[in-house]
Amino acid sequence: MELPLIQVIAAIVMTGIALAIILGFWRYLTVNSERRMLAMIDSVGLDPEIATSGEIPDIMKKVRQRCRSCPTEAVCERWLLRNEKGDNSFCPNAEIFKVLKSYSRAA
């Protein structure tokens, strides 16, 4: 039994739409993660250029990975808006940022 051509076309279009939605959502998450990471870098007193300078690519790759899979995104958003009290110890990258800051002072 053959499917009518219109059903095949509809299935292809619906698959394309589903892929576009998934890719769009992934892009949205990536952009927001990058925005939060740069804001956090700035908030802790580091130069945001460190993220794009290419000086420490392995470290920044790790920072980005942690930021993209962060379990505390909501806390981070509130902290960056200054609606959350305390330091950034909730951040999976807090220790890396401390080391980078002490390294940048020593240089």
PDB file of N, CA and C in Angstrom:
ATOM      1  N   MET A   1       0.845  -1.171   0.000  1.00  0.00           N
ATOM      2  CA  MET A   1       0.000   0.000   0.000  1.00  0.00           C
ATOM      3  C   MET A   1       0.894   1.239   0.000  1.00  0.00           C
ATOM      4  N   GLU A   2       0.685   2.093  -0.955  1.00  0.00           N
ATOM      5  CA  GLU A   2       1.499   3.286  -1.081  1.00  0.00           C
ATOM      6  C   GLU A   2       0.835   4.474  -0.406  1.00  0.00           C
ATOM      7  N   LEU A   3       1.691   5.291   0.217  1.00  0.00           N
ATOM      8  CA  LEU A   3       1.184   6.529   0.806  1.00  0.00           C
ATOM      9  C   LEU A   3       1.006   7.556  -0.295  1.00  0.00           C
ATOM     10  N   PRO A   4      -0.047   8.320  -0.228  1.00  0.00           N
ATOM     11  CA  PRO A   4      -0.199   9.387  -1.222  1.00  0.00           C
ATOM     12  C   PRO A   4       0.959  10.377  -1.104  1.00  0.00           C
ATOM     13  N   LEU A   5       1.323  10.994  -2.178  1.00  0.00           N
ATOM     14  CA  LEU A   5       2.434  11.920  -2.239  1.00  0.00           C
ATOM     15  C   LEU A   5       2.290  13.039  -1.210  1.00  0.00           C
ATOM     16  N   ILE A   6       1.116  13.505  -0.996  1.00  0.00           N
ATOM     17  CA  ILE A   6       0.893  14.609  -0.041  1.00  0.00           C
ATOM     18  C   ILE A   6       1.281  14.203   1.375  1.00  0.00           C
ATOM     19  N   GLN A   7       1.053  12.942   1.749  1.00  0.00           N
ATOM     20  CA  GLN A   7       1.432  12.466   3.075  1.00  0.00           C
ATOM     21  C   GLN A   7       2.947  12.367   3.212  1.00  0.00           C
ATOM     22  N   VAL A   8       3.633  11.976   2.168  1.00  0.00           N
ATOM     23  CA  VAL A   8       5.090  11.904   2.190  1.00  0.00           C
ATOM     24  C   VAL A   8       5.663  13.308   2.332  1.00  0.00           C
ATOM     25  N   ILE A   9       5.130  14.238   1.563  1.00  0.00           N
ATOM     26  CA  ILE A   9       5.593  15.624   1.638  1.00  0.00           C
ATOM     27  C   ILE A   9       5.318  16.196   3.029  1.00  0.00           C
ATOM     28  N   ALA A  10       4.143  15.937   3.576  1.00  0.00           N
ATOM     29  CA  ALA A  10       3.794  16.424   4.914  1.00  0.00           C
ATOM     30  C   ALA A  10       4.741  15.852   5.969  1.00  0.00           C
ATOM     31  N   ALA A  11       5.083  14.589   5.847  1.00  0.00           N
ATOM     32  CA  ALA A  11       6.009  13.962   6.799  1.00  0.00           C
ATOM     33  C   ALA A  11       7.389  14.598   6.715  1.00  0.00           C
ATOM     34  N   ILE A  12       7.858  14.881   5.511  1.00  0.00           N
ATOM     35  CA  ILE A  12       9.158  15.522   5.327  1.00  0.00           C
ATOM     36  C   ILE A  12       9.142  16.932   5.904  1.00  0.00           C
ATOM     37  N   VAL A  13       8.079  17.678   5.644  1.00  0.00           N
ATOM     38  CA  VAL A  13       7.963  19.049   6.167  1.00  0.00           C
ATOM     39  C   VAL A  13       7.907  19.040   7.687  1.00  0.00           C
ATOM     40  N   MET A  14       7.128  18.141   8.265  1.00  0.00           N
ATOM     41  CA  MET A  14       7.020  18.081   9.726  1.00  0.00           C
ATOM     42  C   MET A  14       8.348  17.692  10.359  1.00  0.00           C
ATOM     43  N   THR A  15       9.093  16.804   9.737  1.00  0.00           N
ATOM     44  CA  THR A  15      10.417  16.432  10.235  1.00  0.00           C
ATOM     45  C   THR A  15      11.353  17.634  10.182  1.00  0.00           C
ATOM     46  N   GLY A  16      11.300  18.370   9.092  1.00  0.00           N
ATOM     47  CA  GLY A  16      12.113  19.578   8.967  1.00  0.00           C
ATOM     48  C   GLY A  16      11.768  20.619  10.014  1.00  0.00           C
ATOM     49  N   ILE A  17      10.503  20.807  10.278  1.00  0.00           N
ATOM     50  CA  ILE A  17      10.069  21.767  11.303  1.00  0.00           C
ATOM     51  C   ILE A  17      10.543  21.320  12.678  1.00  0.00           C
ATOM     52  N   ALA A  18      10.414  20.034  12.963  1.00  0.00           N
ATOM     53  CA  ALA A  18      10.876  19.522  14.263  1.00  0.00           C
ATOM     54  C   ALA A  18      12.374  19.738  14.433  1.00  0.00           C
ATOM     55  N   LEU A  19      13.155  19.482  13.396  1.00  0.00           N
ATOM     56  CA  LEU A  19      14.604  19.709  13.464  1.00  0.00           C
ATOM     57  C   LEU A  19      14.924  21.191  13.645  1.00  0.00           C
ATOM     58  N   ALA A  20      14.197  22.051  12.959  1.00  0.00           N
ATOM     59  CA  ALA A  20      14.420  23.494  13.092  1.00  0.00           C
ATOM     60  C   ALA A  20      14.124  23.963  14.514  1.00  0.00           C
ATOM     61  N   ILE A  21      13.079  23.436  15.116  1.00  0.00           N
ATOM     62  CA  ILE A  21      12.735  23.804  16.497  1.00  0.00           C
ATOM     63  C   ILE A  21      13.828  23.326  17.449  1.00  0.00           C
ATOM     64  N   ILE A  22      14.285  22.110  17.278  1.00  0.00           N
ATOM     65  CA  ILE A  22      15.340  21.563  18.149  1.00  0.00           C
ATOM     66  C   ILE A  22      16.624  22.373  17.998  1.00  0.00           C
ATOM     67  N   LEU A  23      17.026  22.657  16.770  1.00  0.00           N
ATOM     68  CA  LEU A  23      18.245  23.443  16.548  1.00  0.00           C
ATOM     69  C   LEU A  23      18.097  24.873  17.076  1.00  0.00           C
ATOM     70  N   GLY A  24      16.924  25.455  16.899  1.00  0.00           N
ATOM     71  CA  GLY A  24      16.676  26.800  17.423  1.00  0.00           C
ATOM     72  C   GLY A  24      16.754  26.839  18.944  1.00  0.00           C
ATOM     73  N   PHE A  25      16.199  25.838  19.590  1.00  0.00           N
ATOM     74  CA  PHE A  25      16.255  25.778  21.047  1.00  0.00           C
ATOM     75  C   PHE A  25      17.688  25.584  21.522  1.00  0.00           C
ATOM     76  N   TRP A  26      18.447  24.728  20.849  1.00  0.00           N
ATOM     77  CA  TRP A  26      19.848  24.507  21.204  1.00  0.00           C
ATOM     78  C   TRP A  26      20.630  25.804  21.047  1.00  0.00           C
ATOM     79  N   ARG A  27      20.382  26.545  19.990  1.00  0.00           N
ATOM     80  CA  ARG A  27      21.058  27.827  19.770  1.00  0.00           C
ATOM     81  C   ARG A  27      20.690  28.823  20.874  1.00  0.00           C
ATOM     82  N   TYR A  28      19.418  28.853  21.247  1.00  0.00           N
ATOM     83  CA  TYR A  28      18.946  29.729  22.329  1.00  0.00           C
ATOM     84  C   TYR A  28      19.692  29.415  23.626  1.00  0.00           C
ATOM     85  N   LEU A  29      19.813  28.137  23.958  1.00  0.00           N
ATOM     86  CA  LEU A  29      20.523  27.741  25.182  1.00  0.00           C
ATOM     87  C   LEU A  29      21.995  28.137  25.116  1.00  0.00           C
ATOM     88  N   THR A  30      22.621  27.953  23.969  1.00  0.00           N
ATOM     89  CA  THR A  30      24.030  28.286  23.799  1.00  0.00           C
ATOM     90  C   THR A  30      24.261  29.784  23.949  1.00  0.00           C
ATOM     91  N   VAL A  31      23.415  30.590  23.321  1.00  0.00           N
ATOM     92  CA  VAL A  31      23.563  32.050  23.398  1.00  0.00           C
ATOM     93  C   VAL A  31      23.377  32.529  24.829  1.00  0.00           C
ATOM     94  N   ASN A  32      22.375  32.022  25.524  1.00  0.00           N
ATOM     95  CA  ASN A  32      22.150  32.435  26.919  1.00  0.00           C
ATOM     96  C   ASN A  32      23.282  31.977  27.828  1.00  0.00           C
ATOM     97  N   SER A  33      23.807  30.804  27.585  1.00  0.00           N
ATOM     98  CA  SER A  33      24.927  30.304  28.372  1.00  0.00           C
ATOM     99  C   SER A  33      26.144  31.203  28.182  1.00  0.00           C
ATOM    100  N   GLU A  34      26.425  31.563  26.951  1.00  0.00           N
ATOM    101  CA  GLU A  34      27.566  32.435  26.652  1.00  0.00           C
ATOM    102  C   GLU A  34      27.382  33.811  27.308  1.00  0.00           C
ATOM    103  N   ARG A  35      26.166  34.338  27.249  1.00  0.00           N
ATOM    104  CA  ARG A  35      25.874  35.636  27.864  1.00  0.00           C
ATOM    105  C   ARG A  35      26.118  35.589  29.370  1.00  0.00           C
ATOM    106  N   ARG A  36      25.604  34.534  30.025  1.00  0.00           N
ATOM    107  CA  ARG A  36      25.808  34.396  31.466  1.00  0.00           C
ATOM    108  C   ARG A  36      27.282  34.231  31.805  1.00  0.00           C
ATOM    109  N   MET A  37      27.999  33.436  31.006  1.00  0.00           N
ATOM    110  CA  MET A  37      29.422  33.215  31.262  1.00  0.00           C
ATOM    111  C   MET A  37      30.191  34.531  31.180  1.00  0.00           C
ATOM    112  N   LEU A  38      29.952  35.315  30.142  1.00  0.00           N
ATOM    113  CA  LEU A  38      30.653  36.592  29.994  1.00  0.00           C
ATOM    114  C   LEU A  38      30.284  37.563  31.108  1.00  0.00           C
ATOM    115  N   ALA A  39      29.014  37.574  31.494  1.00  0.00           N
ATOM    116  CA  ALA A  39      28.592  38.443  32.594  1.00  0.00           C
ATOM    117  C   ALA A  39      29.235  38.016  33.909  1.00  0.00           C
ATOM    118  N   MET A  40      29.348  36.716  34.133  1.00  0.00           N
ATOM    119  CA  MET A  40      29.980  36.219  35.356  1.00  0.00           C
ATOM    120  C   MET A  40      31.463  36.575  35.357  1.00  0.00           C
ATOM    121  N   ILE A  41      32.127  36.405  34.225  1.00  0.00           N
ATOM    122  CA  ILE A  41      33.539  36.765  34.120  1.00  0.00           C
ATOM    123  C   ILE A  41      33.725  38.236  34.478  1.00  0.00           C
ATOM    124  N   ASP A  42      32.877  39.077  33.941  1.00  0.00           N
ATOM    125  CA  ASP A  42      32.951  40.513  34.235  1.00  0.00           C
ATOM    126  C   ASP A  42      32.636  40.794  35.704  1.00  0.00           C
ATOM    127  N   SER A  43      31.646  40.112  36.240  1.00  0.00           N
ATOM    128  CA  SER A  43      31.230  40.341  37.635  1.00  0.00           C
ATOM    129  C   SER A  43      32.308  39.991  38.653  1.00  0.00           C
ATOM    130  N   VAL A  44      33.137  39.015  38.331  1.00  0.00           N
ATOM    131  CA  VAL A  44      34.187  38.620  39.266  1.00  0.00           C
ATOM    132  C   VAL A  44      35.472  39.424  39.063  1.00  0.00           C
ATOM    133  N   GLY A  45      35.431  40.362  38.126  1.00  0.00           N
ATOM    134  CA  GLY A  45      36.563  41.264  37.944  1.00  0.00           C
ATOM    135  C   GLY A  45      37.577  40.842  36.895  1.00  0.00           C
ATOM    136  N   LEU A  46      37.197  39.894  36.058  1.00  0.00           N
ATOM    137  CA  LEU A  46      38.081  39.491  34.968  1.00  0.00           C
ATOM    138  C   LEU A  46      37.678  40.242  33.696  1.00  0.00           C
ATOM    139  N   ASP A  47      38.618  40.381  32.789  1.00  0.00           N
ATOM    140  CA  ASP A  47      38.336  41.001  31.508  1.00  0.00           C
ATOM    141  C   ASP A  47      37.590  39.992  30.631  1.00  0.00           C
ATOM    142  N   PRO A  48      36.379  40.317  30.154  1.00  0.00           N
ATOM    143  CA  PRO A  48      35.634  39.376  29.310  1.00  0.00           C
ATOM    144  C   PRO A  48      36.380  38.971  28.033  1.00  0.00           C
ATOM    145  N   GLU A  49      37.372  39.750  27.648  1.00  0.00           N
ATOM    146  CA  GLU A  49      38.185  39.401  26.473  1.00  0.00           C
ATOM    147  C   GLU A  49      38.909  38.065  26.661  1.00  0.00           C
ATOM    148  N   ILE A  50      39.070  37.660  27.907  1.00  0.00           N
ATOM    149  CA  ILE A  50      39.750  36.397  28.187  1.00  0.00           C
ATOM    150  C   ILE A  50      39.031  35.228  27.513  1.00  0.00           C
ATOM    151  N   ALA A  51      37.720  35.378  27.326  1.00  0.00           N
ATOM    152  CA  ALA A  51      36.921  34.304  26.731  1.00  0.00           C
ATOM    153  C   ALA A  51      37.185  34.141  25.240  1.00  0.00           C
ATOM    154  N   THR A  52      37.619  35.214  24.575  1.00  0.00           N
ATOM    155  CA  THR A  52      37.805  35.156  23.130  1.00  0.00           C
ATOM    156  C   THR A  52      39.248  35.388  22.691  1.00  0.00           C
ATOM    157  N   SER A  53      40.116  35.671  23.636  1.00  0.00           N
ATOM    158  CA  SER A  53      41.486  36.040  23.280  1.00  0.00           C
ATOM    159  C   SER A  53      42.311  34.887  22.724  1.00  0.00           C
ATOM    160  N   GLY A  54      41.959  33.665  23.057  1.00  0.00           N
ATOM    161  CA  GLY A  54      42.727  32.520  22.584  1.00  0.00           C
ATOM    162  C   GLY A  54      43.960  32.227  23.421  1.00  0.00           C
ATOM    163  N   GLU A  55      44.127  32.958  24.526  1.00  0.00           N
ATOM    164  CA  GLU A  55      45.293  32.737  25.384  1.00  0.00           C
ATOM    165  C   GLU A  55      45.193  31.436  26.170  1.00  0.00           C
ATOM    166  N   ILE A  56      43.999  31.109  26.581  1.00  0.00           N
ATOM    167  CA  ILE A  56      43.791  29.907  27.409  1.00  0.00           C
ATOM    168  C   ILE A  56      42.632  29.078  26.833  1.00  0.00           C
ATOM    169  N   PRO A  57      42.765  28.587  25.618  1.00  0.00           N
ATOM    170  CA  PRO A  57      41.634  27.915  24.967  1.00  0.00           C
ATOM    171  C   PRO A  57      41.140  26.671  25.694  1.00  0.00           C
ATOM    172  N   ASP A  58      42.042  25.883  26.268  1.00  0.00           N
ATOM    173  CA  ASP A  58      41.604  24.663  26.959  1.00  0.00           C
ATOM    174  C   ASP A  58      40.785  24.988  28.197  1.00  0.00           C
ATOM    175  N   ILE A  59      41.223  26.005  28.933  1.00  0.00           N
ATOM    176  CA  ILE A  59      40.491  26.406  30.142  1.00  0.00           C
ATOM    177  C   ILE A  59      39.123  26.964  29.759  1.00  0.00           C
ATOM    178  N   MET A  60      39.087  27.812  28.740  1.00  0.00           N
ATOM    179  CA  MET A  60      37.805  28.410  28.343  1.00  0.00           C
ATOM    180  C   MET A  60      36.855  27.372  27.755  1.00  0.00           C
ATOM    181  N   LYS A  61      37.395  26.351  27.120  1.00  0.00           N
ATOM    182  CA  LYS A  61      36.548  25.270  26.618  1.00  0.00           C
ATOM    183  C   LYS A  61      35.861  24.573  27.790  1.00  0.00           C
ATOM    184  N   LYS A  62      36.613  24.314  28.841  1.00  0.00           N
ATOM    185  CA  LYS A  62      36.070  23.676  30.043  1.00  0.00           C
ATOM    186  C   LYS A  62      35.030  24.586  30.710  1.00  0.00           C
ATOM    187  N   VAL A  63      35.340  25.880  30.794  1.00  0.00           N
ATOM    188  CA  VAL A  63      34.410  26.853  31.391  1.00  0.00           C
ATOM    189  C   VAL A  63      33.096  26.860  30.609  1.00  0.00           C
ATOM    190  N   ARG A  64      33.188  26.900  29.287  1.00  0.00           N
ATOM    191  CA  ARG A  64      31.977  26.906  28.451  1.00  0.00           C
ATOM    192  C   ARG A  64      31.160  25.633  28.645  1.00  0.00           C
ATOM    193  N   GLN A  65      31.840  24.486  28.682  1.00  0.00           N
ATOM    194  CA  GLN A  65      31.134  23.217  28.871  1.00  0.00           C
ATOM    195  C   GLN A  65      30.388  23.201  30.197  1.00  0.00           C
ATOM    196  N   ARG A  66      31.062  23.672  31.253  1.00  0.00           N
ATOM    197  CA  ARG A  66      30.404  23.706  32.563  1.00  0.00           C
ATOM    198  C   ARG A  66      29.224  24.662  32.554  1.00  0.00           C
ATOM    199  N   CYS A  67      29.390  25.785  31.882  1.00  0.00           N
ATOM    200  CA  CYS A  67      28.323  26.778  31.838  1.00  0.00           C
ATOM    201  C   CYS A  67      27.109  26.236  31.063  1.00  0.00           C
ATOM    202  N   ARG A  68      27.367  25.532  29.983  1.00  0.00           N
ATOM    203  CA  ARG A  68      26.266  24.993  29.171  1.00  0.00           C
ATOM    204  C   ARG A  68      25.480  23.914  29.894  1.00  0.00           C
ATOM    205  N   SER A  69      26.130  23.209  30.807  1.00  0.00           N
ATOM    206  CA  SER A  69      25.429  22.154  31.544  1.00  0.00           C
ATOM    207  C   SER A  69      25.185  22.546  32.994  1.00  0.00           C
ATOM    208  N   CYS A  70      25.153  23.841  33.255  1.00  0.00           N
ATOM    209  CA  CYS A  70      25.029  24.352  34.622  1.00  0.00           C
ATOM    210  C   CYS A  70      23.688  23.970  35.263  1.00  0.00           C
ATOM    211  N   PRO A  71      23.743  23.410  36.455  1.00  0.00           N
ATOM    212  CA  PRO A  71      22.498  23.074  37.156  1.00  0.00           C
ATOM    213  C   PRO A  71      21.907  24.252  37.929  1.00  0.00           C
ATOM    214  N   THR A  72      22.610  25.398  37.941  1.00  0.00           N
ATOM    215  CA  THR A  72      22.148  26.541  38.731  1.00  0.00           C
ATOM    216  C   THR A  72      21.914  27.784  37.866  1.00  0.00           C
ATOM    217  N   GLU A  73      21.386  27.595  36.666  1.00  0.00           N
ATOM    218  CA  GLU A  73      21.163  28.723  35.763  1.00  0.00           C
ATOM    219  C   GLU A  73      20.278  29.798  36.388  1.00  0.00           C
ATOM    220  N   ALA A  74      19.210  29.398  37.048  1.00  0.00           N
ATOM    221  CA  ALA A  74      18.272  30.367  37.630  1.00  0.00           C
ATOM    222  C   ALA A  74      18.954  31.190  38.729  1.00  0.00           C
ATOM    223  N   VAL A  75      19.745  30.529  39.571  1.00  0.00           N
ATOM    224  CA  VAL A  75      20.479  31.241  40.620  1.00  0.00           C
ATOM    225  C   VAL A  75      21.467  32.206  39.979  1.00  0.00           C
ATOM    226  N   CYS A  76      22.131  31.772  38.940  1.00  0.00           N
ATOM    227  CA  CYS A  76      23.096  32.605  38.229  1.00  0.00           C
ATOM    228  C   CYS A  76      22.416  33.858  37.683  1.00  0.00           C
ATOM    229  N   GLU A  77      21.288  33.683  37.029  1.00  0.00           N
ATOM    230  CA  GLU A  77      20.548  34.836  36.489  1.00  0.00           C
ATOM    231  C   GLU A  77      20.209  35.829  37.602  1.00  0.00           C
ATOM    232  N   ARG A  78      19.692  35.315  38.716  1.00  0.00           N
ATOM    233  CA  ARG A  78      19.330  36.210  39.829  1.00  0.00           C
ATOM    234  C   ARG A  78      20.563  36.889  40.403  1.00  0.00           C
ATOM    235  N   TRP A  79      21.674  36.151  40.545  1.00  0.00           N
ATOM    236  CA  TRP A  79      22.900  36.704  41.104  1.00  0.00           C
ATOM    237  C   TRP A  79      23.451  37.799  40.198  1.00  0.00           C
ATOM    238  N   LEU A  80      23.431  37.553  38.907  1.00  0.00           N
ATOM    239  CA  LEU A  80      23.929  38.549  37.962  1.00  0.00           C
ATOM    240  C   LEU A  80      23.068  39.814  37.966  1.00  0.00           C
ATOM    241  N   LEU A  81      21.779  39.663  38.262  1.00  0.00           N
ATOM    242  CA  LEU A  81      20.879  40.820  38.372  1.00  0.00           C
ATOM    243  C   LEU A  81      20.919  41.448  39.759  1.00  0.00           C
ATOM    244  N   ARG A  82      21.768  40.882  40.617  1.00  0.00           N
ATOM    245  CA  ARG A  82      21.921  41.322  42.000  1.00  0.00           C
ATOM    246  C   ARG A  82      20.649  41.095  42.841  1.00  0.00           C
ATOM    247  N   ASN A  83      19.897  40.077  42.468  1.00  0.00           N
ATOM    248  CA  ASN A  83      18.710  39.681  43.226  1.00  0.00           C
ATOM    249  C   ASN A  83      18.992  38.485  44.126  1.00  0.00           C
ATOM    250  N   GLU A  84      20.229  38.036  44.122  1.00  0.00           N
ATOM    251  CA  GLU A  84      20.658  36.894  44.937  1.00  0.00           C
ATOM    252  C   GLU A  84      21.829  37.354  45.795  1.00  0.00           C
ATOM    253  N   LYS A  85      21.754  37.077  47.066  1.00  0.00           N
ATOM    254  CA  LYS A  85      22.805  37.496  48.004  1.00  0.00           C
ATOM    255  C   LYS A  85      23.964  36.512  47.996  1.00  0.00           C
ATOM    256  N   GLY A  86      25.103  36.960  48.488  1.00  0.00           N
ATOM    257  CA  GLY A  86      26.253  36.087  48.657  1.00  0.00           C
ATOM    258  C   GLY A  86      27.211  36.141  47.487  1.00  0.00           C
ATOM    259  N   ASP A  87      28.191  35.239  47.561  1.00  0.00           N
ATOM    260  CA  ASP A  87      29.193  35.190  46.503  1.00  0.00           C
ATOM    261  C   ASP A  87      28.728  34.236  45.393  1.00  0.00           C
ATOM    262  N   ASN A  88      29.604  33.970  44.461  1.00  0.00           N
ATOM    263  CA  ASN A  88      29.238  33.102  43.337  1.00  0.00           C
ATOM    264  C   ASN A  88      29.649  31.646  43.560  1.00  0.00           C
ATOM    265  N   SER A  89      29.673  31.204  44.797  1.00  0.00           N
ATOM    266  CA  SER A  89      30.094  29.826  45.095  1.00  0.00           C
ATOM    267  C   SER A  89      29.158  28.773  44.485  1.00  0.00           C
ATOM    268  N   PHE A  90      27.964  29.173  44.073  1.00  0.00           N
ATOM    269  CA  PHE A  90      27.028  28.265  43.406  1.00  0.00           C
ATOM    270  C   PHE A  90      27.508  27.900  41.996  1.00  0.00           C
ATOM    271  N   CYS A  91      28.404  28.708  41.461  1.00  0.00           N
ATOM    272  CA  CYS A  91      28.849  28.572  40.069  1.00  0.00           C
ATOM    273  C   CYS A  91      29.855  27.429  39.931  1.00  0.00           C
ATOM    274  N   PRO A  92      29.648  26.518  38.978  1.00  0.00           N
ATOM    275  CA  PRO A  92      30.609  25.433  38.772  1.00  0.00           C
ATOM    276  C   PRO A  92      31.988  25.941  38.351  1.00  0.00           C
ATOM    277  N   ASN A  93      32.060  27.173  37.862  1.00  0.00           N
ATOM    278  CA  ASN A  93      33.329  27.753  37.425  1.00  0.00           C
ATOM    279  C   ASN A  93      33.936  28.714  38.443  1.00  0.00           C
ATOM    280  N   ALA A  94      33.365  28.825  39.622  1.00  0.00           N
ATOM    281  CA  ALA A  94      33.833  29.808  40.612  1.00  0.00           C
ATOM    282  C   ALA A  94      35.317  29.636  40.930  1.00  0.00           C
ATOM    283  N   GLU A  95      35.763  28.418  41.135  1.00  0.00           N
ATOM    284  CA  GLU A  95      37.171  28.181  41.469  1.00  0.00           C
ATOM    285  C   GLU A  95      38.096  28.555  40.309  1.00  0.00           C
ATOM    286  N   ILE A  96      37.689  28.220  39.101  1.00  0.00           N
ATOM    287  CA  ILE A  96      38.500  28.586  37.932  1.00  0.00           C
ATOM    288  C   ILE A  96      38.616  30.100  37.831  1.00  0.00           C
ATOM    289  N   PHE A  97      37.505  30.794  38.052  1.00  0.00           N
ATOM    290  CA  PHE A  97      37.534  32.255  37.981  1.00  0.00           C
ATOM    291  C   PHE A  97      38.449  32.842  39.050  1.00  0.00           C
ATOM    292  N   LYS A  98      38.444  32.252  40.254  1.00  0.00           N
ATOM    293  CA  LYS A  98      39.337  32.737  41.321  1.00  0.00           C
ATOM    294  C   LYS A  98      40.799  32.572  40.918  1.00  0.00           C
ATOM    295  N   VAL A  99      41.124  31.411  40.364  1.00  0.00           N
ATOM    296  CA  VAL A  99      42.506  31.158  39.943  1.00  0.00           C
ATOM    297  C   VAL A  99      42.897  32.111  38.820  1.00  0.00           C
ATOM    298  N   LEU A 100      42.017  32.301  37.846  1.00  0.00           N
ATOM    299  CA  LEU A 100      42.317  33.217  36.746  1.00  0.00           C
ATOM    300  C   LEU A 100      42.506  34.645  37.257  1.00  0.00           C
ATOM    301  N   LYS A 101      41.695  35.037  38.227  1.00  0.00           N
ATOM    302  CA  LYS A 101      41.817  36.382  38.764  1.00  0.00           C
ATOM    303  C   LYS A 101      43.146  36.543  39.504  1.00  0.00           C
ATOM    304  N   SER A 102      43.525  35.568  40.317  1.00  0.00           N
ATOM    305  CA  SER A 102      44.806  35.677  41.032  1.00  0.00           C
ATOM    306  C   SER A 102      45.968  35.621  40.048  1.00  0.00           C
ATOM    307  N   TYR A 103      45.834  34.854  38.975  1.00  0.00           N
ATOM    308  CA  TYR A 103      46.877  34.789  37.959  1.00  0.00           C
ATOM    309  C   TYR A 103      46.999  36.138  37.234  1.00  0.00           C
ATOM    310  N   SER A 104      45.868  36.759  36.926  1.00  0.00           N
ATOM    311  CA  SER A 104      45.917  38.037  36.203  1.00  0.00           C
ATOM    312  C   SER A 104      46.504  39.141  37.074  1.00  0.00           C
ATOM    313  N   ARG A 105      46.311  39.061  38.382  1.00  0.00           N
ATOM    314  CA  ARG A 105      46.926  40.044  39.300  1.00  0.00           C
ATOM    315  C   ARG A 105      48.434  39.851  39.369  1.00  0.00           C
ATOM    316  N   ALA A 106      48.867  38.594  39.322  1.00  0.00           N
ATOM    317  CA  ALA A 106      50.287  38.288  39.453  1.00  0.00           C
ATOM    318  C   ALA A 106      51.068  38.683  38.195  1.00  0.00           C
ATOM    319  N   ALA A 107      50.372  38.718  37.076  1.00  0.00           N
ATOM    320  CA  ALA A 107      51.058  39.016  35.806  1.00  0.00           C
ATOM    321  C   ALA A 107      51.392  40.474  35.632  1.00  0.00           C
TER     322      ALA A 107
END
